Amino acid sequence: MSESLFELVAAALQKRSKLESLEARGTLRLALKSSGLTAREVTREQMIVVIDQIMPHELRVRGIENPEAVCRELSRAVKGVEVEESTTAGTSPEDVFRRLSRS
């Protein structure tokens, strides 16, 4: 997925919390990083897992009230929007070797 998914979630997080733009973006980047993901490579399904599993803790640490409700709203926003496929999809080392092994 392109960074538009990251942008969508960061904007929604800022809107639904008291976080400023840089704080929302940084919090999301930290949550992705703790999952071993980046804004450029995260898929919709991965983002939903990050929001559901990691973001509540990240928001709690930052003093956001009712982080579970915020995360439910973020998750709904991600599920309800179309996001373009990344041009790098299928180019991970594993994907490349899998294609080569079929040749």
PDB file of N, CA and C in Angstrom:
ATOM      1  N   MET A   1       0.840  -1.171   0.000  1.00  0.00           N
ATOM      2  CA  MET A   1       0.000   0.000   0.000  1.00  0.00           C
ATOM      3  C   MET A   1       0.887   1.238   0.000  1.00  0.00           C
ATOM      4  N   SER A   2       0.411   2.282  -0.587  1.00  0.00           N
ATOM      5  CA  SER A   2       1.180   3.508  -0.619  1.00  0.00           C
ATOM      6  C   SER A   2       1.070   4.225   0.722  1.00  0.00           C
ATOM      7  N   GLU A   3       1.825   5.303   0.830  1.00  0.00           N
ATOM      8  CA  GLU A   3       1.797   6.059   2.070  1.00  0.00           C
ATOM      9  C   GLU A   3       0.454   6.746   2.297  1.00  0.00           C
ATOM     10  N   SER A   4      -0.448   6.693   1.313  1.00  0.00           N
ATOM     11  CA  SER A   4      -1.753   7.315   1.507  1.00  0.00           C
ATOM     12  C   SER A   4      -2.515   6.649   2.654  1.00  0.00           C
ATOM     13  N   LEU A   5      -2.294   5.366   2.871  1.00  0.00           N
ATOM     14  CA  LEU A   5      -2.912   4.683   4.001  1.00  0.00           C
ATOM     15  C   LEU A   5      -2.377   5.261   5.306  1.00  0.00           C
ATOM     16  N   PHE A   6      -1.069   5.447   5.375  1.00  0.00           N
ATOM     17  CA  PHE A   6      -0.462   6.065   6.549  1.00  0.00           C
ATOM     18  C   PHE A   6      -1.041   7.459   6.772  1.00  0.00           C
ATOM     19  N   GLU A   7      -1.132   8.247   5.712  1.00  0.00           N
ATOM     20  CA  GLU A   7      -1.655   9.610   5.810  1.00  0.00           C
ATOM     21  C   GLU A   7      -3.102   9.612   6.311  1.00  0.00           C
ATOM     22  N   LEU A   8      -3.895   8.688   5.793  1.00  0.00           N
ATOM     23  CA  LEU A   8      -5.293   8.585   6.205  1.00  0.00           C
ATOM     24  C   LEU A   8      -5.404   8.297   7.701  1.00  0.00           C
ATOM     25  N   VAL A   9      -4.648   7.321   8.184  1.00  0.00           N
ATOM     26  CA  VAL A   9      -4.725   6.942   9.591  1.00  0.00           C
ATOM     27  C   VAL A   9      -4.170   8.048  10.478  1.00  0.00           C
ATOM     28  N   ALA A  10      -3.073   8.671  10.065  1.00  0.00           N
ATOM     29  CA  ALA A  10      -2.491   9.753  10.867  1.00  0.00           C
ATOM     30  C   ALA A  10      -3.466  10.921  10.992  1.00  0.00           C
ATOM     31  N   ALA A  11      -4.124  11.277   9.897  1.00  0.00           N
ATOM     32  CA  ALA A  11      -5.100  12.373   9.929  1.00  0.00           C
ATOM     33  C   ALA A  11      -6.297  12.007  10.802  1.00  0.00           C
ATOM     34  N   ALA A  12      -6.757  10.769  10.688  1.00  0.00           N
ATOM     35  CA  ALA A  12      -7.890  10.327  11.511  1.00  0.00           C
ATOM     36  C   ALA A  12      -7.507  10.302  12.988  1.00  0.00           C
ATOM     37  N   LEU A  13      -6.287   9.883  13.288  1.00  0.00           N
ATOM     38  CA  LEU A  13      -5.817   9.860  14.671  1.00  0.00           C
ATOM     39  C   LEU A  13      -5.756  11.269  15.239  1.00  0.00           C
ATOM     40  N   GLN A  14      -5.248  12.194  14.461  1.00  0.00           N
ATOM     41  CA  GLN A  14      -5.181  13.579  14.920  1.00  0.00           C
ATOM     42  C   GLN A  14      -6.584  14.124  15.195  1.00  0.00           C
ATOM     43  N   LYS A  15      -7.516  13.829  14.309  1.00  0.00           N
ATOM     44  CA  LYS A  15      -8.891  14.315  14.433  1.00  0.00           C
ATOM     45  C   LYS A  15      -9.594  13.733  15.666  1.00  0.00           C
ATOM     46  N   ARG A  16      -9.310  12.470  15.975  1.00  0.00           N
ATOM     47  CA  ARG A  16     -10.023  11.779  17.043  1.00  0.00           C
ATOM     48  C   ARG A  16      -9.318  11.830  18.395  1.00  0.00           C
ATOM     49  N   SER A  17      -8.176  12.504  18.447  1.00  0.00           N
ATOM     50  CA  SER A  17      -7.437  12.596  19.713  1.00  0.00           C
ATOM     51  C   SER A  17      -6.979  14.032  19.914  1.00  0.00           C
ATOM     52  N   LYS A  18      -6.305  14.259  21.004  1.00  0.00           N
ATOM     53  CA  LYS A  18      -5.779  15.603  21.265  1.00  0.00           C
ATOM     54  C   LYS A  18      -4.379  15.778  20.684  1.00  0.00           C
ATOM     55  N   LEU A  19      -3.905  14.824  19.931  1.00  0.00           N
ATOM     56  CA  LEU A  19      -2.560  14.874  19.381  1.00  0.00           C
ATOM     57  C   LEU A  19      -2.465  15.871  18.231  1.00  0.00           C
ATOM     58  N   GLU A  20      -1.346  16.578  18.177  1.00  0.00           N
ATOM     59  CA  GLU A  20      -1.047  17.440  17.039  1.00  0.00           C
ATOM     60  C   GLU A  20      -0.635  16.566  15.862  1.00  0.00           C
ATOM     61  N   SER A  21      -0.515  17.163  14.699  1.00  0.00           N
ATOM     62  CA  SER A  21      -0.191  16.408  13.492  1.00  0.00           C
ATOM     63  C   SER A  21       1.111  15.616  13.632  1.00  0.00           C
ATOM     64  N   LEU A  22       2.182  16.260  14.064  1.00  0.00           N
ATOM     65  CA  LEU A  22       3.465  15.565  14.206  1.00  0.00           C
ATOM     66  C   LEU A  22       3.402  14.467  15.268  1.00  0.00           C
ATOM     67  N   GLU A  23       2.652  14.707  16.341  1.00  0.00           N
ATOM     68  CA  GLU A  23       2.506  13.690  17.390  1.00  0.00           C
ATOM     69  C   GLU A  23       1.742  12.474  16.864  1.00  0.00           C
ATOM     70  N   ALA A  24       0.673  12.727  16.123  1.00  0.00           N
ATOM     71  CA  ALA A  24      -0.123  11.626  15.573  1.00  0.00           C
ATOM     72  C   ALA A  24       0.715  10.804  14.594  1.00  0.00           C
ATOM     73  N   ARG A  25       1.435  11.485  13.720  1.00  0.00           N
ATOM     74  CA  ARG A  25       2.270  10.790  12.744  1.00  0.00           C
ATOM     75  C   ARG A  25       3.385  10.005  13.444  1.00  0.00           C
ATOM     76  N   GLY A  26       4.010  10.626  14.431  1.00  0.00           N
ATOM     77  CA  GLY A  26       5.080   9.951  15.159  1.00  0.00           C
ATOM     78  C   GLY A  26       4.584   8.744  15.937  1.00  0.00           C
ATOM     79  N   THR A  27       3.428   8.874  16.554  1.00  0.00           N
ATOM     80  CA  THR A  27       2.841   7.764  17.300  1.00  0.00           C
ATOM     81  C   THR A  27       2.543   6.598  16.363  1.00  0.00           C
ATOM     82  N   LEU A  28       1.984   6.904  15.214  1.00  0.00           N
ATOM     83  CA  LEU A  28       1.680   5.856  14.238  1.00  0.00           C
ATOM     84  C   LEU A  28       2.961   5.210  13.720  1.00  0.00           C
ATOM     85  N   ARG A  29       3.972   6.009  13.438  1.00  0.00           N
ATOM     86  CA  ARG A  29       5.253   5.447  12.975  1.00  0.00           C
ATOM     87  C   ARG A  29       5.874   4.527  14.030  1.00  0.00           C
ATOM     88  N   LEU A  30       5.800   4.929  15.306  1.00  0.00           N
ATOM     89  CA  LEU A  30       6.332   4.079  16.378  1.00  0.00           C
ATOM     90  C   LEU A  30       5.566   2.764  16.473  1.00  0.00           C
ATOM     91  N   ALA A  31       4.253   2.829  16.341  1.00  0.00           N
ATOM     92  CA  ALA A  31       3.445   1.602  16.388  1.00  0.00           C
ATOM     93  C   ALA A  31       3.805   0.686  15.222  1.00  0.00           C
ATOM     94  N   LEU A  32       3.973   1.256  14.051  1.00  0.00           N
ATOM     95  CA  LEU A  32       4.363   0.456  12.882  1.00  0.00           C
ATOM     96  C   LEU A  32       5.760  -0.130  13.079  1.00  0.00           C
ATOM     97  N   LYS A  33       6.668   0.686  13.583  1.00  0.00           N
ATOM     98  CA  LYS A  33       8.041   0.224  13.789  1.00  0.00           C
ATOM     99  C   LYS A  33       8.102  -0.930  14.784  1.00  0.00           C
ATOM    100  N   SER A  34       7.313  -0.849  15.840  1.00  0.00           N
ATOM    101  CA  SER A  34       7.321  -1.937  16.821  1.00  0.00           C
ATOM    102  C   SER A  34       6.757  -3.229  16.239  1.00  0.00           C
ATOM    103  N   SER A  35       6.061  -3.112  15.115  1.00  0.00           N
ATOM    104  CA  SER A  35       5.544  -4.286  14.405  1.00  0.00           C
ATOM    105  C   SER A  35       6.464  -4.726  13.285  1.00  0.00           C
ATOM    106  N   GLY A  36       7.554  -4.005  13.100  1.00  0.00           N
ATOM    107  CA  GLY A  36       8.472  -4.336  12.020  1.00  0.00           C
ATOM    108  C   GLY A  36       8.002  -3.851  10.661  1.00  0.00           C
ATOM    109  N   LEU A  37       7.141  -2.843  10.638  1.00  0.00           N
ATOM    110  CA  LEU A  37       6.580  -2.326   9.387  1.00  0.00           C
ATOM    111  C   LEU A  37       6.977  -0.873   9.180  1.00  0.00           C
ATOM    112  N   THR A  38       6.805  -0.404   7.954  1.00  0.00           N
ATOM    113  CA  THR A  38       7.002   1.007   7.644  1.00  0.00           C
ATOM    114  C   THR A  38       5.749   1.552   6.983  1.00  0.00           C
ATOM    115  N   ALA A  39       5.674   2.868   6.920  1.00  0.00           N
ATOM    116  CA  ALA A  39       4.514   3.513   6.304  1.00  0.00           C
ATOM    117  C   ALA A  39       4.367   3.130   4.836  1.00  0.00           C
ATOM    118  N   ARG A  40       5.466   2.883   4.157  1.00  0.00           N
ATOM    119  CA  ARG A  40       5.407   2.553   2.729  1.00  0.00           C
ATOM    120  C   ARG A  40       4.967   1.135   2.451  1.00  0.00           C
ATOM    121  N   GLU A  41       5.256   0.206   3.347  1.00  0.00           N
ATOM    122  CA  GLU A  41       4.987  -1.199   3.035  1.00  0.00           C
ATOM    123  C   GLU A  41       3.752  -1.765   3.709  1.00  0.00           C
ATOM    124  N   VAL A  42       3.155  -1.043   4.630  1.00  0.00           N
ATOM    125  CA  VAL A  42       2.039  -1.589   5.393  1.00  0.00           C
ATOM    126  C   VAL A  42       0.813  -1.794   4.496  1.00  0.00           C
ATOM    127  N   THR A  43       0.187  -2.946   4.658  1.00  0.00           N
ATOM    128  CA  THR A  43      -1.050  -3.238   3.936  1.00  0.00           C
ATOM    129  C   THR A  43      -2.240  -2.863   4.818  1.00  0.00           C
ATOM    130  N   ARG A  44      -3.399  -2.858   4.221  1.00  0.00           N
ATOM    131  CA  ARG A  44      -4.609  -2.534   4.985  1.00  0.00           C
ATOM    132  C   ARG A  44      -4.796  -3.511   6.154  1.00  0.00           C
ATOM    133  N   GLU A  45      -4.615  -4.803   5.892  1.00  0.00           N
ATOM    134  CA  GLU A  45      -4.797  -5.803   6.950  1.00  0.00           C
ATOM    135  C   GLU A  45      -3.782  -5.621   8.073  1.00  0.00           C
ATOM    136  N   GLN A  46      -2.529  -5.340   7.700  1.00  0.00           N
ATOM    137  CA  GLN A  46      -1.503  -5.113   8.713  1.00  0.00           C
ATOM    138  C   GLN A  46      -1.816  -3.868   9.535  1.00  0.00           C
ATOM    139  N   MET A  47      -2.279  -2.804   8.869  1.00  0.00           N
ATOM    140  CA  MET A  47      -2.607  -1.568   9.574  1.00  0.00           C
ATOM    141  C   MET A  47      -3.730  -1.810  10.573  1.00  0.00           C
ATOM    142  N   ILE A  48      -4.704  -2.599  10.208  1.00  0.00           N
ATOM    143  CA  ILE A  48      -5.804  -2.894  11.123  1.00  0.00           C
ATOM    144  C   ILE A  48      -5.292  -3.626  12.356  1.00  0.00           C
ATOM    145  N   VAL A  49      -4.384  -4.576  12.159  1.00  0.00           N
ATOM    146  CA  VAL A  49      -3.809  -5.303  13.301  1.00  0.00           C
ATOM    147  C   VAL A  49      -3.012  -4.353  14.185  1.00  0.00           C
ATOM    148  N   VAL A  50      -2.226  -3.472  13.585  1.00  0.00           N
ATOM    149  CA  VAL A  50      -1.451  -2.493  14.365  1.00  0.00           C
ATOM    150  C   VAL A  50      -2.393  -1.606  15.167  1.00  0.00           C
ATOM    151  N   ILE A  51      -3.452  -1.135  14.529  1.00  0.00           N
ATOM    152  CA  ILE A  51      -4.415  -0.280  15.221  1.00  0.00           C
ATOM    153  C   ILE A  51      -5.077  -1.026  16.368  1.00  0.00           C
ATOM    154  N   ASP A  52      -5.484  -2.262  16.126  1.00  0.00           N
ATOM    155  CA  ASP A  52      -6.203  -3.029  17.148  1.00  0.00           C
ATOM    156  C   ASP A  52      -5.303  -3.522  18.277  1.00  0.00           C
ATOM    157  N   GLN A  53      -4.069  -3.892  17.955  1.00  0.00           N
ATOM    158  CA  GLN A  53      -3.208  -4.546  18.944  1.00  0.00           C
ATOM    159  C   GLN A  53      -2.184  -3.622  19.603  1.00  0.00           C
ATOM    160  N   ILE A  54      -1.645  -2.666  18.867  1.00  0.00           N
ATOM    161  CA  ILE A  54      -0.532  -1.862  19.384  1.00  0.00           C
ATOM    162  C   ILE A  54      -0.938  -0.439  19.733  1.00  0.00           C
ATOM    163  N   MET A  55      -1.787   0.153  18.927  1.00  0.00           N
ATOM    164  CA  MET A  55      -2.156   1.552  19.141  1.00  0.00           C
ATOM    165  C   MET A  55      -2.826   1.835  20.489  1.00  0.00           C
ATOM    166  N   PRO A  56      -3.670   0.946  21.020  1.00  0.00           N
ATOM    167  CA  PRO A  56      -4.260   1.285  22.325  1.00  0.00           C
ATOM    168  C   PRO A  56      -3.198   1.584  23.386  1.00  0.00           C
ATOM    169  N   HIS A  57      -2.154   0.778  23.421  1.00  0.00           N
ATOM    170  CA  HIS A  57      -1.068   1.014  24.392  1.00  0.00           C
ATOM    171  C   HIS A  57      -0.360   2.338  24.098  1.00  0.00           C
ATOM    172  N   GLU A  58      -0.054   2.581  22.815  1.00  0.00           N
ATOM    173  CA  GLU A  58       0.643   3.820  22.437  1.00  0.00           C
ATOM    174  C   GLU A  58      -0.188   5.046  22.825  1.00  0.00           C
ATOM    175  N   LEU A  59      -1.495   4.969  22.636  1.00  0.00           N
ATOM    176  CA  LEU A  59      -2.360   6.098  22.979  1.00  0.00           C
ATOM    177  C   LEU A  59      -2.495   6.262  24.487  1.00  0.00           C
ATOM    178  N   ARG A  60      -2.578   5.145  25.198  1.00  0.00           N
ATOM    179  CA  ARG A  60      -2.656   5.189  26.654  1.00  0.00           C
ATOM    180  C   ARG A  60      -1.424   5.865  27.237  1.00  0.00           C
ATOM    181  N   VAL A  61      -0.248   5.517  26.724  1.00  0.00           N
ATOM    182  CA  VAL A  61       1.016   6.105  27.181  1.00  0.00           C
ATOM    183  C   VAL A  61       1.011   7.616  26.953  1.00  0.00           C
ATOM    184  N   ARG A  62       0.341   8.073  25.920  1.00  0.00           N
ATOM    185  CA  ARG A  62       0.307   9.496  25.601  1.00  0.00           C
ATOM    186  C   ARG A  62      -0.866  10.225  26.255  1.00  0.00           C
ATOM    187  N   GLY A  63      -1.573   9.537  27.132  1.00  0.00           N
ATOM    188  CA  GLY A  63      -2.640  10.165  27.903  1.00  0.00           C
ATOM    189  C   GLY A  63      -3.942  10.375  27.168  1.00  0.00           C
ATOM    190  N   ILE A  64      -4.162   9.636  26.106  1.00  0.00           N
ATOM    191  CA  ILE A  64      -5.413   9.753  25.347  1.00  0.00           C
ATOM    192  C   ILE A  64      -6.496   8.977  26.087  1.00  0.00           C
ATOM    193  N   GLU A  65      -7.600   9.653  26.356  1.00  0.00           N
ATOM    194  CA  GLU A  65      -8.704   9.000  27.045  1.00  0.00           C
ATOM    195  C   GLU A  65      -9.408   8.022  26.116  1.00  0.00           C
ATOM    196  N   ASN A  66      -9.800   6.889  26.666  1.00  0.00           N
ATOM    197  CA  ASN A  66     -10.546   5.853  25.955  1.00  0.00           C
ATOM    198  C   ASN A  66      -9.871   5.460  24.638  1.00  0.00           C
ATOM    199  N   PRO A  67      -8.629   4.996  24.712  1.00  0.00           N
ATOM    200  CA  PRO A  67      -7.899   4.658  23.486  1.00  0.00           C
ATOM    201  C   PRO A  67      -8.542   3.534  22.676  1.00  0.00           C
ATOM    202  N   GLU A  68      -9.238   2.628  23.343  1.00  0.00           N
ATOM    203  CA  GLU A  68      -9.888   1.535  22.617  1.00  0.00           C
ATOM    204  C   GLU A  68     -10.967   2.067  21.674  1.00  0.00           C
ATOM    205  N   ALA A  69     -11.727   3.063  22.133  1.00  0.00           N
ATOM    206  CA  ALA A  69     -12.766   3.657  21.278  1.00  0.00           C
ATOM    207  C   ALA A  69     -12.138   4.394  20.102  1.00  0.00           C
ATOM    208  N   VAL A  70     -11.046   5.098  20.342  1.00  0.00           N
ATOM    209  CA  VAL A  70     -10.340   5.790  19.259  1.00  0.00           C
ATOM    210  C   VAL A  70      -9.861   4.770  18.230  1.00  0.00           C
ATOM    211  N   CYS A  71      -9.309   3.673  18.713  1.00  0.00           N
ATOM    212  CA  CYS A  71      -8.795   2.640  17.806  1.00  0.00           C
ATOM    213  C   CYS A  71      -9.909   1.955  17.025  1.00  0.00           C
ATOM    214  N   ARG A  72     -11.065   1.765  17.643  1.00  0.00           N
ATOM    215  CA  ARG A  72     -12.193   1.186  16.905  1.00  0.00           C
ATOM    216  C   ARG A  72     -12.593   2.103  15.746  1.00  0.00           C
ATOM    217  N   GLU A  73     -12.603   3.411  15.995  1.00  0.00           N
ATOM    218  CA  GLU A  73     -12.944   4.365  14.945  1.00  0.00           C
ATOM    219  C   GLU A  73     -11.889   4.366  13.835  1.00  0.00           C
ATOM    220  N   LEU A  74     -10.614   4.298  14.227  1.00  0.00           N
ATOM    221  CA  LEU A  74      -9.542   4.247  13.232  1.00  0.00           C
ATOM    222  C   LEU A  74      -9.648   2.993  12.373  1.00  0.00           C
ATOM    223  N   SER A  75      -9.909   1.885  13.029  1.00  0.00           N
ATOM    224  CA  SER A  75     -10.039   0.611  12.318  1.00  0.00           C
ATOM    225  C   SER A  75     -11.197   0.668  11.325  1.00  0.00           C
ATOM    226  N   ARG A  76     -12.322   1.235  11.737  1.00  0.00           N
ATOM    227  CA  ARG A  76     -13.469   1.386  10.841  1.00  0.00           C
ATOM    228  C   ARG A  76     -13.110   2.266   9.647  1.00  0.00           C
ATOM    229  N   ALA A  77     -12.353   3.321   9.894  1.00  0.00           N
ATOM    230  CA  ALA A  77     -11.947   4.223   8.811  1.00  0.00           C
ATOM    231  C   ALA A  77     -11.076   3.496   7.794  1.00  0.00           C
ATOM    232  N   VAL A  78     -10.170   2.661   8.277  1.00  0.00           N
ATOM    233  CA  VAL A  78      -9.290   1.914   7.374  1.00  0.00           C
ATOM    234  C   VAL A  78     -10.088   0.898   6.568  1.00  0.00           C
ATOM    235  N   LYS A  79     -11.027   0.242   7.205  1.00  0.00           N
ATOM    236  CA  LYS A  79     -11.826  -0.768   6.508  1.00  0.00           C
ATOM    237  C   LYS A  79     -12.746  -0.152   5.462  1.00  0.00           C
ATOM    238  N   GLY A  80     -13.106   1.119   5.648  1.00  0.00           N
ATOM    239  CA  GLY A  80     -14.092   1.740   4.775  1.00  0.00           C
ATOM    240  C   GLY A  80     -13.549   2.547   3.623  1.00  0.00           C
ATOM    241  N   VAL A  81     -12.238   2.504   3.394  1.00  0.00           N
ATOM    242  CA  VAL A  81     -11.679   3.331   2.329  1.00  0.00           C
ATOM    243  C   VAL A  81     -10.890   2.476   1.339  1.00  0.00           C
ATOM    244  N   GLU A  82     -10.941   2.872   0.079  1.00  0.00           N
ATOM    245  CA  GLU A  82     -10.152   2.195  -0.953  1.00  0.00           C
ATOM    246  C   GLU A  82      -8.759   2.790  -0.947  1.00  0.00           C
ATOM    247  N   VAL A  83      -7.745   1.931  -0.957  1.00  0.00           N
ATOM    248  CA  VAL A  83      -6.365   2.386  -0.980  1.00  0.00           C
ATOM    249  C   VAL A  83      -5.674   1.736  -2.156  1.00  0.00           C
ATOM    250  N   GLU A  84      -4.892   2.532  -2.900  1.00  0.00           N
ATOM    251  CA  GLU A  84      -4.193   2.003  -4.072  1.00  0.00           C
ATOM    252  C   GLU A  84      -3.153   0.977  -3.670  1.00  0.00           C
ATOM    253  N   GLU A  85      -2.969  -0.008  -4.533  1.00  0.00           N
ATOM    254  CA  GLU A  85      -1.904  -0.988  -4.330  1.00  0.00           C
ATOM    255  C   GLU A  85      -0.570  -0.310  -4.570  1.00  0.00           C
ATOM    256  N   SER A  86       0.422  -0.680  -3.805  1.00  0.00           N
ATOM    257  CA  SER A  86       1.757  -0.119  -3.941  1.00  0.00           C
ATOM    258  C   SER A  86       2.425  -0.635  -5.202  1.00  0.00           C
ATOM    259  N   THR A  87       3.277   0.187  -5.768  1.00  0.00           N
ATOM    260  CA  THR A  87       4.042  -0.259  -6.923  1.00  0.00           C
ATOM    261  C   THR A  87       5.133  -1.226  -6.508  1.00  0.00           C
ATOM    262  N   THR A  88       5.416  -1.308  -5.201  1.00  0.00           N
ATOM    263  CA  THR A  88       6.439  -2.222  -4.722  1.00  0.00           C
ATOM    264  C   THR A  88       5.845  -3.532  -4.238  1.00  0.00           C
ATOM    265  N   ALA A  89       4.536  -3.698  -4.372  1.00  0.00           N
ATOM    266  CA  ALA A  89       3.903  -4.938  -3.913  1.00  0.00           C
ATOM    267  C   ALA A  89       4.469  -6.111  -4.691  1.00  0.00           C
ATOM    268  N   GLY A  90       4.801  -7.174  -3.982  1.00  0.00           N
ATOM    269  CA  GLY A  90       5.322  -8.363  -4.621  1.00  0.00           C
ATOM    270  C   GLY A  90       6.797  -8.302  -4.937  1.00  0.00           C
ATOM    271  N   THR A  91       7.493  -7.315  -4.395  1.00  0.00           N
ATOM    272  CA  THR A  91       8.919  -7.201  -4.673  1.00  0.00           C
ATOM    273  C   THR A  91       9.768  -7.468  -3.438  1.00  0.00           C
ATOM    274  N   SER A  92       9.189  -8.054  -2.433  1.00  0.00           N
ATOM    275  CA  SER A  92       9.993  -8.431  -1.277  1.00  0.00           C
ATOM    276  C   SER A  92      10.955  -9.532  -1.710  1.00  0.00           C
ATOM    277  N   PRO A  93      12.044  -9.715  -0.993  1.00  0.00           N
ATOM    278  CA  PRO A  93      12.978 -10.784  -1.368  1.00  0.00           C
ATOM    279  C   PRO A  93      12.295 -12.149  -1.467  1.00  0.00           C
ATOM    280  N   GLU A  94      11.376 -12.413  -0.554  1.00  0.00           N
ATOM    281  CA  GLU A  94      10.678 -13.692  -0.570  1.00  0.00           C
ATOM    282  C   GLU A  94       9.865 -13.856  -1.853  1.00  0.00           C
ATOM    283  N   ASP A  95       9.181 -12.772  -2.266  1.00  0.00           N
ATOM    284  CA  ASP A  95       8.384 -12.830  -3.492  1.00  0.00           C
ATOM    285  C   ASP A  95       9.262 -13.040  -4.718  1.00  0.00           C
ATOM    286  N   VAL A  96      10.387 -12.349  -4.763  1.00  0.00           N
ATOM    287  CA  VAL A  96      11.304 -12.482  -5.894  1.00  0.00           C
ATOM    288  C   VAL A  96      11.819 -13.917  -5.979  1.00  0.00           C
ATOM    289  N   PHE A  97      12.283 -14.483  -4.855  1.00  0.00           N
ATOM    290  CA  PHE A  97      12.802 -15.850  -4.870  1.00  0.00           C
ATOM    291  C   PHE A  97      11.720 -16.866  -5.180  1.00  0.00           C
ATOM    292  N   ARG A  98      10.508 -16.611  -4.725  1.00  0.00           N
ATOM    293  CA  ARG A  98       9.400 -17.515  -5.021  1.00  0.00           C
ATOM    294  C   ARG A  98       9.136 -17.539  -6.532  1.00  0.00           C
ATOM    295  N   ARG A  99       9.148 -16.370  -7.167  1.00  0.00           N
ATOM    296  CA  ARG A  99       8.942 -16.314  -8.612  1.00  0.00           C
ATOM    297  C   ARG A  99      10.102 -16.982  -9.357  1.00  0.00           C
ATOM    298  N   LEU A 100      11.313 -16.740  -8.877  1.00  0.00           N
ATOM    299  CA  LEU A 100      12.489 -17.351  -9.530  1.00  0.00           C
ATOM    300  C   LEU A 100      12.476 -18.865  -9.426  1.00  0.00           C
ATOM    301  N   SER A 101      12.003 -19.375  -8.303  1.00  0.00           N
ATOM    302  CA  SER A 101      12.003 -20.829  -8.122  1.00  0.00           C
ATOM    303  C   SER A 101      10.988 -21.505  -9.043  1.00  0.00           C
ATOM    304  N   ARG A 102       9.993 -20.787  -9.497  1.00  0.00           N
ATOM    305  CA  ARG A 102       8.990 -21.347 -10.418  1.00  0.00           C
ATOM    306  C   ARG A 102       9.490 -21.359 -11.854  1.00  0.00           C
ATOM    307  N   SER A 103      10.522 -20.606 -12.132  1.00  0.00           N
ATOM    308  CA  SER A 103      11.054 -20.532 -13.516  1.00  0.00           C
ATOM    309  C   SER A 103      11.773 -21.782 -13.918  1.00  0.00           C
TER     310      SER A 103
END
